[in-house]
Amino acid sequence: MLKSIQDRLNAISVPIRKISAEEAAQESKKNNGLMIDVREPAEVENSPTPGTVNIPRGVLEMQMLEKEKDASRPIYVHCASGVRAQLAAEQLSLMGYENVTVLTCDVPKIQAALS
């Protein structure tokens, strides 16, 4: 049976923490969190977010261990709409990362909060 995006999001197998960009900006300053933008490089080029590392969703599992080896470091994930970020957060949790959070707002709000 084929699943819609909403069905897939509803089927995420791990609890996903979600917060605003403002909350993430405040927290990451205190806890040295890693901000990951899972949009495609062309999207990031057209609308960059300061202070984030771009790891496209399609290669996240292959590149993440190169970027972060500490499973306990807080990781904040965002994209344009939140869908890729939620799927990425699920995968990061399944890989063993212990403190993964999704930013719940759109890119302009994230850019403003991180500037």
N, C-alpha and C. Protein backbone atom coordinates (compact mmCIF):
# COMPACT_ATOMS: atom_id res chain seq x y z
N MET A 1 0.83 -1.18 0.00
CA MET A 1 0.00 0.00 0.00
C MET A 1 0.89 1.25 0.00
N LEU A 2 0.59 2.16 -0.89
CA LEU A 2 1.32 3.41 -0.95
C LEU A 2 0.87 4.32 0.18
N LYS A 3 1.82 5.12 0.68
CA LYS A 3 1.51 6.04 1.77
C LYS A 3 1.72 7.47 1.30
N SER A 4 0.82 8.34 1.70
CA SER A 4 1.00 9.77 1.43
C SER A 4 2.06 10.31 2.38
N ILE A 5 2.51 11.50 2.13
CA ILE A 5 3.48 12.15 3.04
C ILE A 5 2.89 12.23 4.45
N GLN A 6 1.64 12.62 4.55
CA GLN A 6 1.02 12.73 5.88
C GLN A 6 0.97 11.37 6.57
N ASP A 7 0.65 10.31 5.82
CA ASP A 7 0.66 8.98 6.40
C ASP A 7 2.06 8.62 6.88
N ARG A 8 3.06 8.96 6.08
CA ARG A 8 4.45 8.65 6.45
C ARG A 8 4.86 9.41 7.70
N LEU A 9 4.49 10.69 7.78
CA LEU A 9 4.81 11.48 8.97
C LEU A 9 4.10 10.91 10.20
N ASN A 10 2.86 10.50 10.02
CA ASN A 10 2.11 9.91 11.14
C ASN A 10 2.72 8.59 11.60
N ALA A 11 3.46 7.93 10.72
CA ALA A 11 4.06 6.64 11.03
C ALA A 11 5.48 6.74 11.56
N ILE A 12 5.98 7.95 11.80
CA ILE A 12 7.33 8.10 12.34
C ILE A 12 7.42 7.30 13.63
N SER A 13 8.47 6.52 13.73
CA SER A 13 8.56 5.51 14.78
C SER A 13 9.19 5.97 16.09
N VAL A 14 9.69 7.17 16.13
CA VAL A 14 10.31 7.68 17.35
C VAL A 14 9.69 9.03 17.70
N PRO A 15 9.67 9.39 18.98
CA PRO A 15 9.13 10.71 19.33
C PRO A 15 10.04 11.81 18.76
N ILE A 16 9.44 12.81 18.15
CA ILE A 16 10.19 13.93 17.56
C ILE A 16 9.85 15.19 18.34
N ARG A 17 10.87 15.79 18.89
CA ARG A 17 10.70 17.07 19.60
C ARG A 17 10.65 18.18 18.56
N LYS A 18 9.72 19.13 18.74
CA LYS A 18 9.56 20.24 17.81
C LYS A 18 9.52 21.54 18.59
N ILE A 19 10.31 22.54 18.13
CA ILE A 19 10.33 23.84 18.78
C ILE A 19 10.46 24.92 17.70
N SER A 20 10.25 26.16 18.11
CA SER A 20 10.38 27.29 17.19
C SER A 20 11.85 27.61 16.94
N ALA A 21 12.08 28.37 15.92
CA ALA A 21 13.45 28.80 15.61
C ALA A 21 14.02 29.66 16.73
N GLU A 22 13.19 30.49 17.32
CA GLU A 22 13.66 31.34 18.42
C GLU A 22 14.14 30.50 19.59
N GLU A 23 13.35 29.48 19.94
CA GLU A 23 13.75 28.58 21.02
C GLU A 23 15.04 27.84 20.67
N ALA A 24 15.14 27.37 19.44
CA ALA A 24 16.34 26.65 19.01
C ALA A 24 17.57 27.55 19.05
N ALA A 25 17.42 28.80 18.62
CA ALA A 25 18.55 29.74 18.64
C ALA A 25 19.04 29.96 20.07
N GLN A 26 18.11 30.13 20.99
CA GLN A 26 18.49 30.34 22.39
C GLN A 26 19.15 29.10 22.97
N GLU A 27 18.54 27.95 22.75
CA GLU A 27 19.09 26.71 23.29
C GLU A 27 20.47 26.41 22.73
N SER A 28 20.62 26.55 21.42
CA SER A 28 21.89 26.16 20.80
C SER A 28 23.05 27.04 21.24
N LYS A 29 22.76 28.28 21.61
CA LYS A 29 23.82 29.14 22.15
C LYS A 29 24.31 28.60 23.49
N LYS A 30 23.40 28.04 24.26
CA LYS A 30 23.75 27.52 25.58
C LYS A 30 24.36 26.12 25.54
N ASN A 31 23.88 25.30 24.59
CA ASN A 31 24.29 23.89 24.61
C ASN A 31 25.19 23.48 23.44
N ASN A 32 25.67 24.45 22.67
CA ASN A 32 26.55 24.17 21.54
C ASN A 32 25.90 23.22 20.54
N GLY A 33 24.61 23.40 20.33
CA GLY A 33 23.88 22.54 19.41
C GLY A 33 24.31 22.73 17.97
N LEU A 34 24.13 21.70 17.18
CA LEU A 34 24.46 21.71 15.76
C LEU A 34 23.18 21.94 14.97
N MET A 35 23.16 23.00 14.18
CA MET A 35 22.01 23.33 13.33
C MET A 35 22.24 22.73 11.95
N ILE A 36 21.32 21.88 11.51
CA ILE A 36 21.45 21.23 10.21
C ILE A 36 20.27 21.64 9.32
N ASP A 37 20.61 22.10 8.13
CA ASP A 37 19.64 22.46 7.10
C ASP A 37 19.62 21.30 6.11
N VAL A 38 18.48 20.59 6.01
CA VAL A 38 18.43 19.41 5.15
C VAL A 38 17.85 19.71 3.76
N ARG A 39 17.77 21.01 3.41
CA ARG A 39 17.31 21.36 2.07
C ARG A 39 18.41 21.05 1.05
N GLU A 40 18.01 21.06 -0.22
CA GLU A 40 18.96 20.84 -1.31
C GLU A 40 19.90 22.05 -1.45
N PRO A 41 21.13 21.84 -1.95
CA PRO A 41 22.08 22.95 -2.07
C PRO A 41 21.54 24.17 -2.83
N ALA A 42 20.77 23.97 -3.88
CA ALA A 42 20.22 25.10 -4.64
C ALA A 42 19.26 25.91 -3.78
N GLU A 43 18.49 25.25 -2.93
CA GLU A 43 17.58 25.96 -2.04
C GLU A 43 18.37 26.80 -1.04
N VAL A 44 19.42 26.22 -0.52
CA VAL A 44 20.26 26.93 0.47
C VAL A 44 20.96 28.11 -0.19
N GLU A 45 21.42 27.92 -1.42
CA GLU A 45 22.09 29.00 -2.14
C GLU A 45 21.14 30.18 -2.36
N ASN A 46 19.90 29.88 -2.69
CA ASN A 46 18.91 30.94 -2.93
C ASN A 46 18.41 31.60 -1.66
N SER A 47 18.46 30.88 -0.55
CA SER A 47 17.93 31.40 0.71
C SER A 47 18.71 30.78 1.88
N PRO A 48 19.96 31.24 2.09
CA PRO A 48 20.80 30.64 3.12
C PRO A 48 20.31 30.96 4.53
N THR A 49 20.62 30.05 5.45
CA THR A 49 20.34 30.30 6.86
C THR A 49 21.68 30.36 7.59
N PRO A 50 21.92 31.45 8.31
CA PRO A 50 23.21 31.62 8.99
C PRO A 50 23.41 30.60 10.10
N GLY A 51 24.63 30.17 10.25
CA GLY A 51 24.97 29.29 11.37
C GLY A 51 24.52 27.85 11.23
N THR A 52 24.13 27.44 10.02
CA THR A 52 23.70 26.06 9.83
C THR A 52 24.68 25.32 8.93
N VAL A 53 24.67 24.00 9.05
CA VAL A 53 25.43 23.13 8.19
C VAL A 53 24.44 22.51 7.21
N ASN A 54 24.73 22.58 5.92
CA ASN A 54 23.83 22.00 4.94
C ASN A 54 24.22 20.55 4.67
N ILE A 55 23.31 19.65 5.02
CA ILE A 55 23.44 18.24 4.67
C ILE A 55 22.10 17.86 4.06
N PRO A 56 22.01 17.77 2.75
CA PRO A 56 20.72 17.45 2.13
C PRO A 56 20.14 16.14 2.66
N ARG A 57 18.83 16.11 2.77
CA ARG A 57 18.13 14.94 3.30
C ARG A 57 18.54 13.66 2.59
N GLY A 58 18.76 13.72 1.31
CA GLY A 58 19.09 12.53 0.54
C GLY A 58 20.41 11.88 0.88
N VAL A 59 21.31 12.62 1.52
CA VAL A 59 22.63 12.06 1.86
C VAL A 59 22.92 12.16 3.36
N LEU A 60 21.93 12.47 4.14
CA LEU A 60 22.12 12.71 5.57
C LEU A 60 22.79 11.52 6.27
N GLU A 61 22.25 10.34 6.07
CA GLU A 61 22.78 9.16 6.76
C GLU A 61 24.23 8.89 6.36
N MET A 62 24.58 9.21 5.14
CA MET A 62 25.94 8.95 4.66
C MET A 62 26.94 9.98 5.16
N GLN A 63 26.50 11.21 5.41
CA GLN A 63 27.43 12.28 5.78
C GLN A 63 27.42 12.65 7.26
N MET A 64 26.40 12.25 7.98
CA MET A 64 26.25 12.75 9.35
C MET A 64 27.40 12.34 10.27
N LEU A 65 27.84 11.11 10.17
CA LEU A 65 28.93 10.68 11.06
C LEU A 65 30.23 11.43 10.80
N GLU A 66 30.40 11.97 9.59
CA GLU A 66 31.56 12.80 9.31
C GLU A 66 31.44 14.15 10.00
N LYS A 67 30.22 14.65 10.14
CA LYS A 67 29.98 15.97 10.73
C LYS A 67 29.91 15.93 12.24
N GLU A 68 29.35 14.84 12.80
CA GLU A 68 29.16 14.78 14.25
C GLU A 68 29.27 13.35 14.75
N LYS A 69 30.25 13.13 15.61
CA LYS A 69 30.46 11.80 16.17
C LYS A 69 29.92 11.68 17.60
N ASP A 70 29.52 12.79 18.20
CA ASP A 70 29.01 12.79 19.57
C ASP A 70 27.49 12.58 19.54
N ALA A 71 27.05 11.40 19.94
CA ALA A 71 25.62 11.06 19.91
C ALA A 71 24.79 11.91 20.85
N SER A 72 25.42 12.52 21.85
CA SER A 72 24.65 13.30 22.83
C SER A 72 24.57 14.79 22.49
N ARG A 73 25.33 15.25 21.51
CA ARG A 73 25.27 16.67 21.15
C ARG A 73 23.88 17.02 20.62
N PRO A 74 23.28 18.10 21.09
CA PRO A 74 21.97 18.51 20.57
C PRO A 74 22.05 18.84 19.08
N ILE A 75 21.09 18.34 18.33
CA ILE A 75 21.01 18.57 16.89
C ILE A 75 19.66 19.17 16.58
N TYR A 76 19.68 20.27 15.83
CA TYR A 76 18.47 20.97 15.42
C TYR A 76 18.37 20.87 13.90
N VAL A 77 17.24 20.39 13.40
CA VAL A 77 17.08 20.12 11.98
C VAL A 77 15.98 21.01 11.41
N HIS A 78 16.24 21.57 10.22
CA HIS A 78 15.18 22.33 9.56
C HIS A 78 15.24 22.15 8.06
N CYS A 79 14.13 22.48 7.41
CA CYS A 79 14.01 22.48 5.95
C CYS A 79 13.05 23.60 5.58
N ALA A 80 12.47 23.54 4.41
CA ALA A 80 11.55 24.59 3.98
C ALA A 80 10.16 24.46 4.59
N SER A 81 9.66 23.23 4.71
CA SER A 81 8.29 23.03 5.17
C SER A 81 8.17 22.23 6.46
N GLY A 82 9.21 21.54 6.85
CA GLY A 82 9.18 20.70 8.03
C GLY A 82 9.08 19.22 7.74
N VAL A 83 8.69 18.86 6.52
CA VAL A 83 8.54 17.44 6.18
C VAL A 83 9.89 16.74 6.18
N ARG A 84 10.84 17.25 5.40
CA ARG A 84 12.17 16.63 5.35
C ARG A 84 12.84 16.65 6.71
N ALA A 85 12.63 17.72 7.47
CA ALA A 85 13.23 17.82 8.80
C ALA A 85 12.71 16.72 9.72
N GLN A 86 11.42 16.44 9.66
CA GLN A 86 10.86 15.38 10.50
C GLN A 86 11.39 14.01 10.09
N LEU A 87 11.45 13.76 8.79
CA LEU A 87 12.00 12.49 8.32
C LEU A 87 13.48 12.37 8.67
N ALA A 88 14.21 13.47 8.58
CA ALA A 88 15.62 13.48 8.95
C ALA A 88 15.79 13.22 10.44
N ALA A 89 14.96 13.85 11.25
CA ALA A 89 15.05 13.66 12.69
C ALA A 89 14.80 12.20 13.06
N GLU A 90 13.84 11.58 12.39
CA GLU A 90 13.59 10.16 12.65
C GLU A 90 14.84 9.34 12.34
N GLN A 91 15.45 9.58 11.19
CA GLN A 91 16.64 8.81 10.80
C GLN A 91 17.80 9.05 11.74
N LEU A 92 18.01 10.30 12.14
CA LEU A 92 19.10 10.60 13.07
C LEU A 92 18.88 9.88 14.40
N SER A 93 17.65 9.87 14.87
CA SER A 93 17.34 9.14 16.11
C SER A 93 17.61 7.66 15.95
N LEU A 94 17.20 7.10 14.81
CA LEU A 94 17.44 5.68 14.56
C LEU A 94 18.93 5.36 14.43
N MET A 95 19.73 6.35 14.01
CA MET A 95 21.18 6.18 13.91
C MET A 95 21.84 6.21 15.28
N GLY A 96 21.14 6.70 16.30
CA GLY A 96 21.69 6.74 17.65
C GLY A 96 21.87 8.12 18.23
N TYR A 97 21.56 9.16 17.48
CA TYR A 97 21.65 10.52 18.04
C TYR A 97 20.54 10.68 19.07
N GLU A 98 20.90 11.19 20.24
CA GLU A 98 20.02 11.15 21.40
C GLU A 98 19.20 12.41 21.62
N ASN A 99 19.56 13.50 20.97
CA ASN A 99 18.93 14.78 21.29
C ASN A 99 18.65 15.54 19.99
N VAL A 100 17.65 15.09 19.24
CA VAL A 100 17.33 15.65 17.93
C VAL A 100 16.02 16.43 18.02
N THR A 101 16.04 17.64 17.46
CA THR A 101 14.87 18.52 17.50
C THR A 101 14.60 19.09 16.12
N VAL A 102 13.33 19.23 15.78
CA VAL A 102 12.90 19.83 14.52
C VAL A 102 12.45 21.25 14.76
N LEU A 103 12.88 22.17 13.91
CA LEU A 103 12.39 23.55 13.94
C LEU A 103 11.07 23.60 13.18
N THR A 104 10.08 24.23 13.77
CA THR A 104 8.71 24.13 13.25
C THR A 104 8.28 25.28 12.35
N CYS A 105 9.13 26.22 12.08
CA CYS A 105 8.68 27.37 11.30
C CYS A 105 9.37 27.41 9.94
N ASP A 106 8.96 28.38 9.12
CA ASP A 106 9.50 28.46 7.76
C ASP A 106 10.87 29.14 7.74
N VAL A 107 11.51 29.09 6.60
CA VAL A 107 12.89 29.56 6.45
C VAL A 107 13.06 31.03 6.82
N PRO A 108 12.18 31.96 6.39
CA PRO A 108 12.40 33.35 6.80
C PRO A 108 12.42 33.55 8.32
N LYS A 109 11.58 32.83 9.04
CA LYS A 109 11.60 32.93 10.51
C LYS A 109 12.87 32.33 11.07
N ILE A 110 13.34 31.24 10.48
CA ILE A 110 14.59 30.64 10.92
C ILE A 110 15.76 31.59 10.66
N GLN A 111 15.78 32.19 9.47
CA GLN A 111 16.84 33.15 9.14
C GLN A 111 16.85 34.31 10.13
N ALA A 112 15.69 34.81 10.47
CA ALA A 112 15.59 35.94 11.40
C ALA A 112 16.09 35.52 12.79
N ALA A 113 15.70 34.35 13.24
CA ALA A 113 16.08 33.90 14.58
C ALA A 113 17.57 33.61 14.69
N LEU A 114 18.17 33.16 13.61
CA LEU A 114 19.59 32.78 13.66
C LEU A 114 20.54 33.90 13.26
N SER A 115 19.99 35.02 12.82
CA SER A 115 20.85 36.15 12.41
C SER A 115 21.40 36.89 13.59
